[in-house]
Amino acid sequence: MTIEAIAPVGKPVRQKSVTKKVVDTKSLINYRLMIFFRFILAIFGGYFFSAITAMLIGAFFISEPNKANAVLMGTMLAFVLHCAVFIWVFMVKSTLKAWLGVLVPTVIFYVVYLLMKGG
């Protein structure tokens, strides 16, 4: 018994040509910096936004008989908002738009919080 390799009949098999892409190092560095700044914004900006929102919710419902419910609601919402901000920062096309989209509401919520607390 002999085993023979049979070559396919028909078109010859073409080898794919491998070409190296020339990557511009400046654009690669800019891309990595953009990702780094978005990551910093997502972590710290999302934290500050969610913390200010939780404080604001606690201040809105301070007259409630059970203040623990307001604090718990604000804290639970803060976790959801932090995740949402983290995802949103990487969905936006412009890094500047992402920074403004997180910092402007954070500052506005903080000013509203200060006005509510009278300080």
N, C-alpha and C. Protein backbone atom coordinates (compact mmCIF):
# COMPACT_ATOMS: atom_id res chain seq x y z
N MET A 1 0.83 -1.17 0.00
CA MET A 1 0.00 0.00 0.00
C MET A 1 0.88 1.24 0.00
N THR A 2 0.61 2.11 -0.91
CA THR A 2 1.38 3.35 -1.00
C THR A 2 0.44 4.54 -0.83
N ILE A 3 0.97 5.57 -0.20
CA ILE A 3 0.21 6.81 -0.01
C ILE A 3 0.88 7.88 -0.84
N GLU A 4 0.09 8.49 -1.68
CA GLU A 4 0.63 9.53 -2.53
C GLU A 4 -0.09 10.84 -2.24
N ALA A 5 0.67 11.92 -2.29
CA ALA A 5 0.07 13.25 -2.12
C ALA A 5 -0.44 13.70 -3.47
N ILE A 6 -1.67 14.11 -3.47
CA ILE A 6 -2.27 14.54 -4.72
C ILE A 6 -2.38 16.05 -4.71
N ALA A 7 -1.81 16.69 -5.69
CA ALA A 7 -1.89 18.13 -5.81
C ALA A 7 -3.21 18.51 -6.46
N PRO A 8 -3.82 19.61 -6.02
CA PRO A 8 -5.09 20.00 -6.62
C PRO A 8 -4.90 20.39 -8.08
N VAL A 9 -5.86 19.98 -8.86
CA VAL A 9 -5.81 20.28 -10.28
C VAL A 9 -6.58 21.58 -10.49
N GLY A 10 -6.08 22.44 -11.30
CA GLY A 10 -6.77 23.69 -11.59
C GLY A 10 -5.81 24.86 -11.45
N LYS A 11 -6.32 25.91 -10.80
CA LYS A 11 -5.51 27.12 -10.67
C LYS A 11 -4.35 26.88 -9.69
N PRO A 12 -3.22 27.46 -10.02
CA PRO A 12 -2.10 27.34 -9.09
C PRO A 12 -2.37 28.18 -7.83
N VAL A 13 -1.88 27.73 -6.71
CA VAL A 13 -2.07 28.43 -5.44
C VAL A 13 -1.12 29.61 -5.40
N ARG A 14 -1.71 30.78 -5.11
CA ARG A 14 -0.88 31.99 -5.05
C ARG A 14 -0.51 32.28 -3.60
N GLN A 15 0.68 32.69 -3.43
CA GLN A 15 1.14 33.11 -2.12
C GLN A 15 0.72 34.56 -1.91
N LYS A 16 0.23 34.86 -0.72
CA LYS A 16 -0.12 36.25 -0.42
C LYS A 16 1.16 37.02 -0.17
N SER A 17 1.22 38.16 -0.80
CA SER A 17 2.41 38.98 -0.59
C SER A 17 2.25 39.75 0.72
N VAL A 18 3.27 39.73 1.50
CA VAL A 18 3.25 40.40 2.80
C VAL A 18 4.00 41.71 2.64
N THR A 19 3.29 42.79 2.96
CA THR A 19 3.93 44.10 2.90
C THR A 19 3.89 44.70 4.29
N LYS A 20 4.94 45.34 4.65
CA LYS A 20 5.00 45.99 5.94
C LYS A 20 4.41 47.38 5.82
N LYS A 21 3.56 47.71 6.78
CA LYS A 21 3.00 49.05 6.81
C LYS A 21 3.99 49.96 7.51
N VAL A 22 4.17 51.11 6.92
CA VAL A 22 5.01 52.11 7.56
C VAL A 22 4.12 52.92 8.48
N VAL A 23 4.41 52.84 9.77
CA VAL A 23 3.61 53.54 10.76
C VAL A 23 4.36 54.78 11.18
N ASP A 24 3.65 55.89 11.10
CA ASP A 24 4.23 57.16 11.51
C ASP A 24 4.31 57.17 13.04
N THR A 25 5.50 57.32 13.57
CA THR A 25 5.67 57.26 15.03
C THR A 25 4.99 58.44 15.72
N LYS A 26 4.91 59.58 15.06
CA LYS A 26 4.26 60.74 15.67
C LYS A 26 2.76 60.49 15.84
N SER A 27 2.13 59.90 14.84
CA SER A 27 0.71 59.62 14.96
C SER A 27 0.45 58.51 15.96
N LEU A 28 1.37 57.58 16.08
CA LEU A 28 1.23 56.51 17.07
C LEU A 28 1.33 57.06 18.48
N ILE A 29 2.26 57.98 18.70
CA ILE A 29 2.40 58.62 20.01
C ILE A 29 1.17 59.46 20.33
N ASN A 30 0.66 60.20 19.34
CA ASN A 30 -0.55 61.00 19.55
C ASN A 30 -1.73 60.11 19.90
N TYR A 31 -1.86 58.98 19.25
CA TYR A 31 -2.95 58.06 19.53
C TYR A 31 -2.85 57.51 20.95
N ARG A 32 -1.66 57.12 21.34
CA ARG A 32 -1.47 56.58 22.69
C ARG A 32 -1.71 57.64 23.75
N LEU A 33 -1.30 58.88 23.49
CA LEU A 33 -1.57 59.96 24.44
C LEU A 33 -3.07 60.22 24.55
N MET A 34 -3.76 60.17 23.42
CA MET A 34 -5.21 60.39 23.44
C MET A 34 -5.89 59.31 24.27
N ILE A 35 -5.49 58.06 24.12
CA ILE A 35 -6.06 56.97 24.90
C ILE A 35 -5.72 57.14 26.38
N PHE A 36 -4.50 57.55 26.68
CA PHE A 36 -4.10 57.77 28.07
C PHE A 36 -4.93 58.87 28.71
N PHE A 37 -5.10 60.01 28.02
CA PHE A 37 -5.87 61.11 28.58
C PHE A 37 -7.34 60.74 28.74
N ARG A 38 -7.87 59.96 27.83
CA ARG A 38 -9.26 59.51 27.98
C ARG A 38 -9.40 58.56 29.16
N PHE A 39 -8.40 57.72 29.37
CA PHE A 39 -8.44 56.81 30.49
C PHE A 39 -8.39 57.58 31.81
N ILE A 40 -7.53 58.58 31.89
CA ILE A 40 -7.45 59.42 33.09
C ILE A 40 -8.79 60.12 33.32
N LEU A 41 -9.36 60.66 32.26
CA LEU A 41 -10.66 61.32 32.37
C LEU A 41 -11.74 60.34 32.80
N ALA A 42 -11.72 59.15 32.25
CA ALA A 42 -12.75 58.16 32.59
C ALA A 42 -12.65 57.75 34.06
N ILE A 43 -11.45 57.58 34.56
CA ILE A 43 -11.28 57.16 35.95
C ILE A 43 -11.60 58.31 36.91
N PHE A 44 -10.85 59.40 36.81
CA PHE A 44 -10.97 60.48 37.78
C PHE A 44 -12.16 61.40 37.50
N GLY A 45 -12.37 61.73 36.25
CA GLY A 45 -13.52 62.57 35.91
C GLY A 45 -14.84 61.87 36.20
N GLY A 46 -14.90 60.58 35.89
CA GLY A 46 -16.10 59.81 36.20
C GLY A 46 -16.33 59.71 37.69
N TYR A 47 -15.24 59.58 38.45
CA TYR A 47 -15.36 59.52 39.90
C TYR A 47 -15.90 60.83 40.46
N PHE A 48 -15.31 61.96 40.03
CA PHE A 48 -15.76 63.25 40.55
C PHE A 48 -17.20 63.54 40.13
N PHE A 49 -17.54 63.21 38.90
CA PHE A 49 -18.91 63.43 38.44
C PHE A 49 -19.90 62.61 39.26
N SER A 50 -19.59 61.35 39.48
CA SER A 50 -20.52 60.51 40.23
C SER A 50 -20.56 60.91 41.70
N ALA A 51 -19.43 61.34 42.27
CA ALA A 51 -19.42 61.77 43.67
C ALA A 51 -20.24 63.04 43.86
N ILE A 52 -20.08 64.00 42.97
CA ILE A 52 -20.86 65.25 43.06
C ILE A 52 -22.34 64.96 42.86
N THR A 53 -22.66 64.06 41.96
CA THR A 53 -24.06 63.69 41.74
C THR A 53 -24.66 63.02 42.98
N ALA A 54 -23.89 62.15 43.62
CA ALA A 54 -24.37 61.50 44.84
C ALA A 54 -24.57 62.53 45.96
N MET A 55 -23.67 63.49 46.07
CA MET A 55 -23.82 64.54 47.08
C MET A 55 -25.04 65.41 46.77
N LEU A 56 -25.26 65.69 45.51
CA LEU A 56 -26.39 66.52 45.12
C LEU A 56 -27.71 65.80 45.39
N ILE A 57 -27.77 64.52 45.12
CA ILE A 57 -28.99 63.76 45.40
C ILE A 57 -29.25 63.72 46.91
N GLY A 58 -28.19 63.53 47.68
CA GLY A 58 -28.33 63.55 49.13
C GLY A 58 -28.82 64.90 49.62
N ALA A 59 -28.37 65.98 48.99
CA ALA A 59 -28.81 67.32 49.39
C ALA A 59 -30.25 67.60 48.96
N PHE A 60 -30.66 67.05 47.81
CA PHE A 60 -32.04 67.25 47.35
C PHE A 60 -33.05 66.60 48.29
N PHE A 61 -32.72 65.43 48.78
CA PHE A 61 -33.66 64.66 49.59
C PHE A 61 -33.32 64.72 51.08
N ILE A 62 -32.75 65.83 51.54
CA ILE A 62 -32.36 65.93 52.93
C ILE A 62 -33.57 66.08 53.85
N SER A 63 -34.69 66.56 53.31
CA SER A 63 -35.87 66.75 54.14
C SER A 63 -36.66 65.45 54.32
N GLU A 64 -36.23 64.42 53.63
CA GLU A 64 -36.92 63.14 53.74
C GLU A 64 -36.77 62.60 55.16
N PRO A 65 -37.81 61.97 55.69
CA PRO A 65 -37.71 61.45 57.07
C PRO A 65 -36.59 60.42 57.24
N ASN A 66 -36.37 59.61 56.24
CA ASN A 66 -35.32 58.60 56.33
C ASN A 66 -34.18 59.02 55.39
N LYS A 67 -33.19 59.70 55.93
CA LYS A 67 -32.09 60.23 55.11
C LYS A 67 -31.20 59.12 54.55
N ALA A 68 -31.25 57.96 55.19
CA ALA A 68 -30.42 56.85 54.72
C ALA A 68 -30.85 56.39 53.33
N ASN A 69 -32.12 56.49 53.04
CA ASN A 69 -32.59 56.12 51.69
C ASN A 69 -32.02 57.05 50.64
N ALA A 70 -31.96 58.33 50.94
CA ALA A 70 -31.39 59.29 49.99
C ALA A 70 -29.92 59.03 49.76
N VAL A 71 -29.20 58.73 50.82
CA VAL A 71 -27.77 58.44 50.69
C VAL A 71 -27.55 57.15 49.91
N LEU A 72 -28.34 56.15 50.20
CA LEU A 72 -28.22 54.87 49.49
C LEU A 72 -28.56 55.04 48.01
N MET A 73 -29.61 55.79 47.70
CA MET A 73 -29.98 56.02 46.31
C MET A 73 -28.88 56.78 45.57
N GLY A 74 -28.32 57.80 46.21
CA GLY A 74 -27.24 58.56 45.59
C GLY A 74 -26.01 57.72 45.34
N THR A 75 -25.68 56.86 46.29
CA THR A 75 -24.51 56.00 46.14
C THR A 75 -24.70 54.97 45.04
N MET A 76 -25.87 54.36 44.99
CA MET A 76 -26.13 53.36 43.94
C MET A 76 -26.14 54.02 42.56
N LEU A 77 -26.72 55.21 42.48
CA LEU A 77 -26.71 55.92 41.20
C LEU A 77 -25.30 56.33 40.81
N ALA A 78 -24.45 56.62 41.79
CA ALA A 78 -23.07 57.02 41.50
C ALA A 78 -22.31 55.88 40.82
N PHE A 79 -22.54 54.64 41.25
CA PHE A 79 -21.88 53.51 40.60
C PHE A 79 -22.30 53.39 39.13
N VAL A 80 -23.58 53.55 38.89
CA VAL A 80 -24.09 53.46 37.51
C VAL A 80 -23.54 54.61 36.66
N LEU A 81 -23.52 55.81 37.23
CA LEU A 81 -23.01 56.97 36.47
C LEU A 81 -21.53 56.84 36.17
N HIS A 82 -20.75 56.33 37.11
CA HIS A 82 -19.32 56.17 36.85
C HIS A 82 -19.10 55.22 35.69
N CYS A 83 -19.83 54.12 35.65
CA CYS A 83 -19.71 53.18 34.53
C CYS A 83 -20.15 53.82 33.22
N ALA A 84 -21.23 54.58 33.26
CA ALA A 84 -21.74 55.24 32.05
C ALA A 84 -20.74 56.28 31.54
N VAL A 85 -20.16 57.05 32.43
CA VAL A 85 -19.16 58.05 32.02
C VAL A 85 -17.94 57.36 31.44
N PHE A 86 -17.51 56.27 32.05
CA PHE A 86 -16.34 55.53 31.55
C PHE A 86 -16.58 55.07 30.12
N ILE A 87 -17.75 54.52 29.86
CA ILE A 87 -18.06 54.05 28.51
C ILE A 87 -18.20 55.23 27.55
N TRP A 88 -18.87 56.29 27.98
CA TRP A 88 -19.12 57.43 27.11
C TRP A 88 -17.84 58.12 26.69
N VAL A 89 -16.85 58.21 27.58
CA VAL A 89 -15.59 58.88 27.27
C VAL A 89 -14.91 58.23 26.07
N PHE A 90 -15.01 56.92 25.96
CA PHE A 90 -14.35 56.23 24.85
C PHE A 90 -15.24 56.16 23.60
N MET A 91 -16.50 56.51 23.71
CA MET A 91 -17.40 56.51 22.55
C MET A 91 -17.34 57.80 21.76
N VAL A 92 -16.98 58.90 22.41
CA VAL A 92 -16.97 60.21 21.76
C VAL A 92 -15.79 60.30 20.81
N LYS A 93 -16.00 60.95 19.68
CA LYS A 93 -14.93 61.02 18.68
C LYS A 93 -13.80 61.97 19.07
N SER A 94 -14.14 63.07 19.73
CA SER A 94 -13.15 64.08 20.06
C SER A 94 -12.79 64.01 21.54
N THR A 95 -11.50 64.09 21.83
CA THR A 95 -11.05 64.07 23.22
C THR A 95 -11.48 65.33 23.94
N LEU A 96 -11.44 66.46 23.24
CA LEU A 96 -11.88 67.72 23.84
C LEU A 96 -13.35 67.66 24.21
N LYS A 97 -14.15 67.08 23.34
CA LYS A 97 -15.58 66.93 23.61
C LYS A 97 -15.80 66.04 24.83
N ALA A 98 -14.99 65.03 24.98
CA ALA A 98 -15.11 64.14 26.14
C ALA A 98 -14.76 64.90 27.43
N TRP A 99 -13.67 65.67 27.40
CA TRP A 99 -13.29 66.45 28.58
C TRP A 99 -14.38 67.45 28.94
N LEU A 100 -14.86 68.17 27.95
CA LEU A 100 -15.90 69.16 28.23
C LEU A 100 -17.20 68.50 28.67
N GLY A 101 -17.50 67.35 28.11
CA GLY A 101 -18.73 66.64 28.45
C GLY A 101 -18.74 66.10 29.87
N VAL A 102 -17.57 65.94 30.46
CA VAL A 102 -17.50 65.47 31.85
C VAL A 102 -17.28 66.64 32.80
N LEU A 103 -16.38 67.55 32.46
CA LEU A 103 -16.03 68.62 33.39
C LEU A 103 -17.12 69.68 33.54
N VAL A 104 -17.78 70.05 32.46
CA VAL A 104 -18.80 71.10 32.54
C VAL A 104 -19.97 70.67 33.43
N PRO A 105 -20.56 69.48 33.25
CA PRO A 105 -21.64 69.08 34.18
C PRO A 105 -21.15 68.92 35.62
N THR A 106 -19.90 68.47 35.80
CA THR A 106 -19.37 68.33 37.15
C THR A 106 -19.29 69.68 37.84
N VAL A 107 -18.79 70.68 37.14
CA VAL A 107 -18.69 72.02 37.72
C VAL A 107 -20.09 72.59 37.98
N ILE A 108 -21.00 72.40 37.05
CA ILE A 108 -22.37 72.91 37.25
C ILE A 108 -23.03 72.24 38.45
N PHE A 109 -22.90 70.92 38.57
CA PHE A 109 -23.48 70.21 39.71
C PHE A 109 -22.84 70.66 41.02
N TYR A 110 -21.54 70.93 41.00
CA TYR A 110 -20.86 71.38 42.21
C TYR A 110 -21.34 72.77 42.63
N VAL A 111 -21.54 73.66 41.67
CA VAL A 111 -22.05 75.00 41.98
C VAL A 111 -23.47 74.90 42.53
N VAL A 112 -24.29 74.06 41.93
CA VAL A 112 -25.66 73.86 42.44
C VAL A 112 -25.61 73.30 43.85
N TYR A 113 -24.72 72.37 44.10
CA TYR A 113 -24.57 71.80 45.44
C TYR A 113 -24.16 72.87 46.45
N LEU A 114 -23.20 73.70 46.07
CA LEU A 114 -22.78 74.78 46.99
C LEU A 114 -23.90 75.76 47.25
N LEU A 115 -24.68 76.07 46.23
CA LEU A 115 -25.81 76.99 46.42
C LEU A 115 -26.89 76.37 47.32
N MET A 116 -27.09 75.08 47.20
CA MET A 116 -28.09 74.42 48.05
C MET A 116 -27.64 74.33 49.50
N LYS A 117 -26.36 74.12 49.70
CA LYS A 117 -25.86 74.01 51.06
C LYS A 117 -25.61 75.38 51.69
N GLY A 118 -25.70 76.43 50.87
CA GLY A 118 -25.52 77.78 51.39
C GLY A 118 -24.06 78.14 51.64
N GLY A 119 -23.20 77.57 50.87
CA GLY A 119 -21.81 77.82 51.18
C GLY A 119 -20.98 78.14 50.03
